PDB file of N, CA and C in Angstrom:
ATOM      1  N   UNK A   1      -7.232 -70.895  87.409  1.00  0.00           N
ATOM      2  CA  UNK A   1      -6.091 -70.684  88.676  1.00  0.00           C
ATOM      3  C   UNK A   1      -4.805 -70.381  88.643  1.00  0.00           C
ATOM      4  N   UNK A   2      -4.242 -69.734  89.096  1.00  0.00           N
ATOM      5  CA  UNK A   2      -3.126 -69.327  89.003  1.00  0.00           C
ATOM      6  C   UNK A   2      -2.391 -70.488  89.430  1.00  0.00           C
ATOM      7  N   UNK A   3      -0.930 -70.564  88.748  1.00  0.00           N
ATOM      8  CA  UNK A   3       0.091 -72.034  89.325  1.00  0.00           C
ATOM      9  C   UNK A   3       0.682 -71.811  90.467  1.00  0.00           C
ATOM     10  N   UNK A   4       0.743 -72.106  91.282  1.00  0.00           N
ATOM     11  CA  UNK A   4       1.532 -72.049  92.858  1.00  0.00           C
ATOM     12  C   UNK A   4       2.570 -72.766  92.876  1.00  0.00           C
ATOM     13  N   UNK A   5       3.736 -72.239  93.176  1.00  0.00           N
ATOM     14  CA  UNK A   5       5.138 -72.190  92.725  1.00  0.00           C
ATOM     15  C   UNK A   5       5.416 -72.300  94.128  1.00  0.00           C
ATOM     16  N   UNK A   6       5.919 -73.895  94.696  1.00  0.00           N
ATOM     17  CA  UNK A   6       6.057 -74.219  96.011  1.00  0.00           C
ATOM     18  C   UNK A   6       7.593 -74.066  96.439  1.00  0.00           C
ATOM     19  N   UNK A   7       8.453 -73.971  95.713  1.00  0.00           N
ATOM     20  CA  UNK A   7      10.024 -73.713  96.094  1.00  0.00           C
ATOM     21  C   UNK A   7       9.915 -71.851  95.954  1.00  0.00           C
ATOM     22  N   UNK A   8       9.176 -71.178  95.716  1.00  0.00           N
ATOM     23  CA  UNK A   8       9.211 -69.603  95.563  1.00  0.00           C
ATOM     24  C   UNK A   8       8.480 -69.779  97.015  1.00  0.00           C
ATOM     25  N   UNK A   9       7.525 -70.058  97.305  1.00  0.00           N
ATOM     26  CA  UNK A   9       6.517 -70.028  99.011  1.00  0.00           C
ATOM     27  C   UNK A   9       7.516 -70.482  99.798  1.00  0.00           C
ATOM     28  N   UNK A  10       8.339 -71.679  99.576  1.00  0.00           N
ATOM     29  CA  UNK A  10       8.862 -71.637 100.820  1.00  0.00           C
ATOM     30  C   UNK A  10      10.124 -70.655 100.559  1.00  0.00           C
ATOM     31  N   UNK A  11      10.616 -70.193  99.868  1.00  0.00           N
ATOM     32  CA  UNK A  11      11.868 -69.070 100.115  1.00  0.00           C
ATOM     33  C   UNK A  11      11.650 -68.093 101.040  1.00  0.00           C
ATOM     34  N   UNK A  12      10.276 -67.492 100.314  1.00  0.00           N
ATOM     35  CA  UNK A  12       9.284 -66.488 101.274  1.00  0.00           C
ATOM     36  C   UNK A  12       8.901 -66.773 102.283  1.00  0.00           C
ATOM     37  N   UNK A  13       8.578 -67.991 102.925  1.00  0.00           N
ATOM     38  CA  UNK A  13       8.548 -68.300 104.166  1.00  0.00           C
ATOM     39  C   UNK A  13       9.443 -68.412 105.302  1.00  0.00           C
ATOM     40  N   UNK A  14      10.742 -68.499 104.384  1.00  0.00           N
ATOM     41  CA  UNK A  14      12.115 -68.683 105.354  1.00  0.00           C
ATOM     42  C   UNK A  14      12.726 -69.818 105.851  1.00  0.00           C
ATOM     43  N   UNK A  15      12.141 -70.862 105.190  1.00  0.00           N
ATOM     44  CA  UNK A  15      12.324 -72.127 105.441  1.00  0.00           C
ATOM     45  C   UNK A  15      13.275 -72.719 104.523  1.00  0.00           C
ATOM     46  N   UNK A  16      14.207 -73.464 105.026  1.00  0.00           N
ATOM     47  CA  UNK A  16      15.294 -74.106 104.076  1.00  0.00           C
ATOM     48  C   UNK A  16      16.199 -74.694 104.911  1.00  0.00           C
ATOM     49  N   UNK A  17      16.920 -75.636 104.353  1.00  0.00           N
ATOM     50  CA  UNK A  17      18.168 -76.337 104.983  1.00  0.00           C
ATOM     51  C   UNK A  17      18.515 -76.552 106.255  1.00  0.00           C
ATOM     52  N   UNK A  18      18.928 -74.903 106.486  1.00  0.00           N
ATOM     53  CA  UNK A  18      19.312 -74.915 107.981  1.00  0.00           C
ATOM     54  C   UNK A  18      18.558 -74.959 109.059  1.00  0.00           C
ATOM     55  N   UNK A  19      16.999 -74.796 108.484  1.00  0.00           N
ATOM     56  CA  UNK A  19      16.120 -74.569 109.589  1.00  0.00           C
ATOM     57  C   UNK A  19      15.538 -76.315 109.767  1.00  0.00           C
ATOM     58  N   UNK A  20      15.323 -77.006 108.557  1.00  0.00           N
ATOM     59  CA  UNK A  20      14.667 -78.635 108.327  1.00  0.00           C
ATOM     60  C   UNK A  20      14.736 -78.612 107.201  1.00  0.00           C
ATOM     61  N   UNK A  21      14.989 -79.841 106.900  1.00  0.00           N
ATOM     62  CA  UNK A  21      15.040 -80.409 105.698  1.00  0.00           C
ATOM     63  C   UNK A  21      13.906 -81.502 104.991  1.00  0.00           C
ATOM     64  N   UNK A  22      12.850 -81.319 106.125  1.00  0.00           N
ATOM     65  CA  UNK A  22      11.477 -81.718 104.991  1.00  0.00           C
ATOM     66  C   UNK A  22      10.449 -80.805 105.970  1.00  0.00           C
ATOM     67  N   UNK A  23       9.754 -80.952 104.610  1.00  0.00           N
ATOM     68  CA  UNK A  23       8.559 -79.963 105.276  1.00  0.00           C
ATOM     69  C   UNK A  23       7.249 -80.429 104.840  1.00  0.00           C
ATOM     70  N   UNK A  24       5.806 -79.887 105.400  1.00  0.00           N
ATOM     71  CA  UNK A  24       4.554 -80.545 104.979  1.00  0.00           C
ATOM     72  C   UNK A  24       4.027 -79.232 104.578  1.00  0.00           C
ATOM     73  N   UNK A  25       3.177 -79.470 103.125  1.00  0.00           N
ATOM     74  CA  UNK A  25       2.839 -78.425 102.665  1.00  0.00           C
ATOM     75  C   UNK A  25       1.223 -78.684 102.512  1.00  0.00           C
ATOM     76  N   UNK A  26       0.100 -77.591 103.111  1.00  0.00           N
ATOM     77  CA  UNK A  26      -1.082 -78.134 103.638  1.00  0.00           C
ATOM     78  C   UNK A  26      -1.756 -77.334 102.573  1.00  0.00           C
ATOM     79  N   UNK A  27      -2.218 -77.532 101.274  1.00  0.00           N
ATOM     80  CA  UNK A  27      -3.251 -76.772 100.390  1.00  0.00           C
ATOM     81  C   UNK A  27      -4.703 -77.103 100.012  1.00  0.00           C
ATOM     82  N   UNK A  28      -5.612 -75.855 100.607  1.00  0.00           N
ATOM     83  CA  UNK A  28      -6.878 -76.455 100.797  1.00  0.00           C
ATOM     84  C   UNK A  28      -7.756 -76.506  98.628  1.00  0.00           C
ATOM     85  N   UNK A  29      -8.353 -77.414  98.406  1.00  0.00           N
ATOM     86  CA  UNK A  29      -8.868 -76.858  97.294  1.00  0.00           C
ATOM     87  C   UNK A  29     -10.398 -76.728  97.362  1.00  0.00           C
ATOM     88  N   UNK A  30     -10.818 -75.625  97.011  1.00  0.00           N
ATOM     89  CA  UNK A  30     -12.214 -75.395  97.194  1.00  0.00           C
ATOM     90  C   UNK A  30     -13.369 -76.213  95.852  1.00  0.00           C
ATOM     91  N   UNK A  31     -14.452 -76.446  96.152  1.00  0.00           N
ATOM     92  CA  UNK A  31     -15.282 -77.100  95.728  1.00  0.00           C
ATOM     93  C   UNK A  31     -15.689 -75.895  94.553  1.00  0.00           C
ATOM     94  N   UNK A  32     -15.740 -74.887  94.725  1.00  0.00           N
ATOM     95  CA  UNK A  32     -16.078 -74.009  93.323  1.00  0.00           C
ATOM     96  C   UNK A  32     -14.942 -73.689  92.240  1.00  0.00           C
ATOM     97  N   UNK A  33     -13.893 -74.034  92.603  1.00  0.00           N
ATOM     98  CA  UNK A  33     -13.087 -73.539  92.043  1.00  0.00           C
ATOM     99  C   UNK A  33     -12.386 -72.380  92.465  1.00  0.00           C
ATOM    100  N   UNK A  34     -12.522 -72.186  93.121  1.00  0.00           N
ATOM    101  CA  UNK A  34     -11.713 -70.567  93.667  1.00  0.00           C
ATOM    102  C   UNK A  34     -10.362 -70.727  93.953  1.00  0.00           C
ATOM    103  N   UNK A  35      -9.855 -69.676  93.710  1.00  0.00           N
ATOM    104  CA  UNK A  35      -8.401 -69.530  94.005  1.00  0.00           C
ATOM    105  C   UNK A  35      -7.858 -69.715  95.067  1.00  0.00           C
ATOM    106  N   UNK A  36      -6.701 -69.950  95.052  1.00  0.00           N
ATOM    107  CA  UNK A  36      -5.602 -70.481  95.560  1.00  0.00           C
ATOM    108  C   UNK A  36      -4.973 -69.102  96.236  1.00  0.00           C
ATOM    109  N   UNK A  37      -5.032 -68.911  97.683  1.00  0.00           N
ATOM    110  CA  UNK A  37      -3.996 -67.542  97.953  1.00  0.00           C
ATOM    111  C   UNK A  37      -3.191 -68.063  99.204  1.00  0.00           C
ATOM    112  N   UNK A  38      -2.098 -67.439  99.249  1.00  0.00           N
ATOM    113  CA  UNK A  38      -0.890 -67.437  99.590  1.00  0.00           C
ATOM    114  C   UNK A  38      -1.042 -67.703 100.915  1.00  0.00           C
ATOM    115  N   UNK A  39      -1.918 -67.165 101.568  1.00  0.00           N
ATOM    116  CA  UNK A  39      -2.521 -67.277 103.327  1.00  0.00           C
ATOM    117  C   UNK A  39      -3.548 -68.551 103.048  1.00  0.00           C
ATOM    118  N   UNK A  40      -3.558 -69.241 102.424  1.00  0.00           N
ATOM    119  CA  UNK A  40      -4.551 -70.630 102.545  1.00  0.00           C
ATOM    120  C   UNK A  40      -3.364 -71.567 102.397  1.00  0.00           C
ATOM    121  N   UNK A  41      -2.353 -71.497 101.495  1.00  0.00           N
ATOM    122  CA  UNK A  41      -1.293 -72.262 101.895  1.00  0.00           C
ATOM    123  C   UNK A  41      -0.757 -72.401 103.284  1.00  0.00           C
ATOM    124  N   UNK A  42      -0.367 -73.823 103.727  1.00  0.00           N
ATOM    125  CA  UNK A  42       0.531 -73.404 105.333  1.00  0.00           C
ATOM    126  C   UNK A  42       1.611 -74.341 105.008  1.00  0.00           C
ATOM    127  N   UNK A  43       2.750 -74.075 105.850  1.00  0.00           N
ATOM    128  CA  UNK A  43       4.204 -75.274 105.683  1.00  0.00           C
ATOM    129  C   UNK A  43       4.296 -75.492 107.438  1.00  0.00           C
ATOM    130  N   UNK A  44       4.427 -76.562 107.427  1.00  0.00           N
ATOM    131  CA  UNK A  44       4.497 -77.306 108.687  1.00  0.00           C
ATOM    132  C   UNK A  44       6.112 -78.032 109.055  1.00  0.00           C
ATOM    133  N   UNK A  45       6.800 -78.052 109.696  1.00  0.00           N
ATOM    134  CA  UNK A  45       7.754 -78.974 109.704  1.00  0.00           C
ATOM    135  C   UNK A  45       7.370 -79.878 110.595  1.00  0.00           C
ATOM    136  N   UNK A  46       6.458 -80.415 110.989  1.00  0.00           N
ATOM    137  CA  UNK A  46       6.088 -81.532 111.797  1.00  0.00           C
ATOM    138  C   UNK A  46       4.856 -81.901 110.782  1.00  0.00           C
ATOM    139  N   UNK A  47       4.817 -83.334 110.764  1.00  0.00           N
ATOM    140  CA  UNK A  47       3.809 -83.791 109.975  1.00  0.00           C
ATOM    141  C   UNK A  47       2.573 -84.237 110.822  1.00  0.00           C
ATOM    142  N   UNK A  48       2.664 -84.431 111.917  1.00  0.00           N
ATOM    143  CA  UNK A  48       1.090 -84.256 113.300  1.00  0.00           C
ATOM    144  C   UNK A  48       0.179 -82.614 113.168  1.00  0.00           C
ATOM    145  N   UNK A  49       1.269 -81.472 112.743  1.00  0.00           N
ATOM    146  CA  UNK A  49       1.091 -80.176 112.942  1.00  0.00           C
ATOM    147  C   UNK A  49       0.230 -79.648 111.662  1.00  0.00           C
ATOM    148  N   UNK A  50       0.788 -80.977 110.620  1.00  0.00           N
ATOM    149  CA  UNK A  50      -0.093 -79.971 109.499  1.00  0.00           C
ATOM    150  C   UNK A  50      -1.133 -81.030 109.348  1.00  0.00           C
ATOM    151  N   UNK A  51      -1.032 -82.211 109.841  1.00  0.00           N
ATOM    152  CA  UNK A  51      -2.452 -83.101 109.868  1.00  0.00           C
ATOM    153  C   UNK A  51      -3.423 -82.440 110.911  1.00  0.00           C
ATOM    154  N   UNK A  52      -3.161 -81.664 112.138  1.00  0.00           N
ATOM    155  CA  UNK A  52      -4.249 -81.375 112.811  1.00  0.00           C
ATOM    156  C   UNK A  52      -4.739 -79.919 112.319  1.00  0.00           C
ATOM    157  N   UNK A  53      -3.663 -79.019 111.614  1.00  0.00           N
ATOM    158  CA  UNK A  53      -4.187 -78.317 110.719  1.00  0.00           C
ATOM    159  C   UNK A  53      -5.264 -78.621 109.736  1.00  0.00           C
ATOM    160  N   UNK A  54      -4.745 -79.778 108.637  1.00  0.00           N
ATOM    161  CA  UNK A  54      -6.337 -79.987 107.908  1.00  0.00           C
ATOM    162  C   UNK A  54      -7.508 -80.702 108.613  1.00  0.00           C
ATOM    163  N   UNK A  55      -7.200 -80.996 109.876  1.00  0.00           N
ATOM    164  CA  UNK A  55      -8.625 -81.468 110.203  1.00  0.00           C
ATOM    165  C   UNK A  55      -9.554 -80.327 110.965  1.00  0.00           C
ATOM    166  N   UNK A  56      -8.532 -79.397 110.687  1.00  0.00           N
ATOM    167  CA  UNK A  56      -9.741 -78.051 111.274  1.00  0.00           C
ATOM    168  C   UNK A  56     -10.228 -77.072 110.036  1.00  0.00           C
ATOM    169  N   UNK A  57      -9.656 -77.691 108.961  1.00  0.00           N
ATOM    170  CA  UNK A  57     -10.123 -77.192 107.225  1.00  0.00           C
ATOM    171  C   UNK A  57     -11.655 -77.530 107.419  1.00  0.00           C
ATOM    172  N   UNK A  58     -12.341 -76.584 106.404  1.00  0.00           N
ATOM    173  CA  UNK A  58     -13.710 -76.796 105.919  1.00  0.00           C
ATOM    174  C   UNK A  58     -13.423 -76.533 104.903  1.00  0.00           C
ATOM    175  N   UNK A  59     -12.960 -77.993 103.901  1.00  0.00           N
ATOM    176  CA  UNK A  59     -12.513 -77.015 102.593  1.00  0.00           C
ATOM    177  C   UNK A  59     -12.890 -79.131 101.660  1.00  0.00           C
ATOM    178  N   UNK A  60     -13.111 -78.969 100.415  1.00  0.00           N
ATOM    179  CA  UNK A  60     -13.466 -79.883  99.512  1.00  0.00           C
ATOM    180  C   UNK A  60     -12.414 -81.173  99.527  1.00  0.00           C
ATOM    181  N   UNK A  61     -11.720 -80.380  99.190  1.00  0.00           N
ATOM    182  CA  UNK A  61     -10.290 -81.567  99.312  1.00  0.00           C
ATOM    183  C   UNK A  61      -8.875 -80.843  99.675  1.00  0.00           C
ATOM    184  N   UNK A  62      -8.289 -81.514 100.640  1.00  0.00           N
ATOM    185  CA  UNK A  62      -6.935 -80.774 100.964  1.00  0.00           C
ATOM    186  C   UNK A  62      -5.955 -81.719 101.213  1.00  0.00           C
ATOM    187  N   UNK A  63      -4.805 -81.278 100.117  1.00  0.00           N
ATOM    188  CA  UNK A  63      -3.436 -81.938  99.744  1.00  0.00           C
ATOM    189  C   UNK A  63      -2.495 -81.753 100.967  1.00  0.00           C
ATOM    190  N   UNK A  64      -2.106 -82.929 101.711  1.00  0.00           N
ATOM    191  CA  UNK A  64      -0.712 -82.532 102.212  1.00  0.00           C
ATOM    192  C   UNK A  64       0.200 -83.406 101.303  1.00  0.00           C
ATOM    193  N   UNK A  65       1.485 -82.146 101.158  1.00  0.00           N
ATOM    194  CA  UNK A  65       2.471 -82.824 100.063  1.00  0.00           C
ATOM    195  C   UNK A  65       3.939 -82.634 101.170  1.00  0.00           C
ATOM    196  N   UNK A  66       4.220 -84.079 101.056  1.00  0.00           N
ATOM    197  CA  UNK A  66       5.686 -83.515 102.189  1.00  0.00           C
ATOM    198  C   UNK A  66       6.714 -83.451 100.906  1.00  0.00           C
ATOM    199  N   UNK A  67       7.733 -82.699 101.208  1.00  0.00           N
ATOM    200  CA  UNK A  67       8.875 -82.085 100.478  1.00  0.00           C
ATOM    201  C   UNK A  67      10.042 -82.010 100.953  1.00  0.00           C
ATOM    202  N   UNK A  68      11.373 -82.221 100.643  1.00  0.00           N
ATOM    203  CA  UNK A  68      12.416 -82.277 100.930  1.00  0.00           C
ATOM    204  C   UNK A  68      13.194 -80.979 100.438  1.00  0.00           C
ATOM    205  N   UNK A  69      14.121 -80.519 101.278  1.00  0.00           N
ATOM    206  CA  UNK A  69      14.444 -79.147 100.884  1.00  0.00           C
ATOM    207  C   UNK A  69      15.898 -79.083 100.382  1.00  0.00           C
ATOM    208  N   UNK A  70      16.017 -78.970  99.258  1.00  0.00           N
ATOM    209  CA  UNK A  70      17.633 -79.036  98.624  1.00  0.00           C
ATOM    210  C   UNK A  70      18.228 -78.094  98.282  1.00  0.00           C
TER     211      UNK A  70
END
């Protein structure tokens, strides 16, 4: 599996200090060890939105990472 670069993904998503100081990154992990693609990872400014998205996913394990943008 390719390493996921959170900083690069956030920059690509155009989320920065001017728009938000905290984001919630939702990353699904698949039981077959499948590759995580860019479109599998979602970034939210609101924790409620992140948990709502998590509840709608059918995945083996879903990680929500709270990150401060600096």
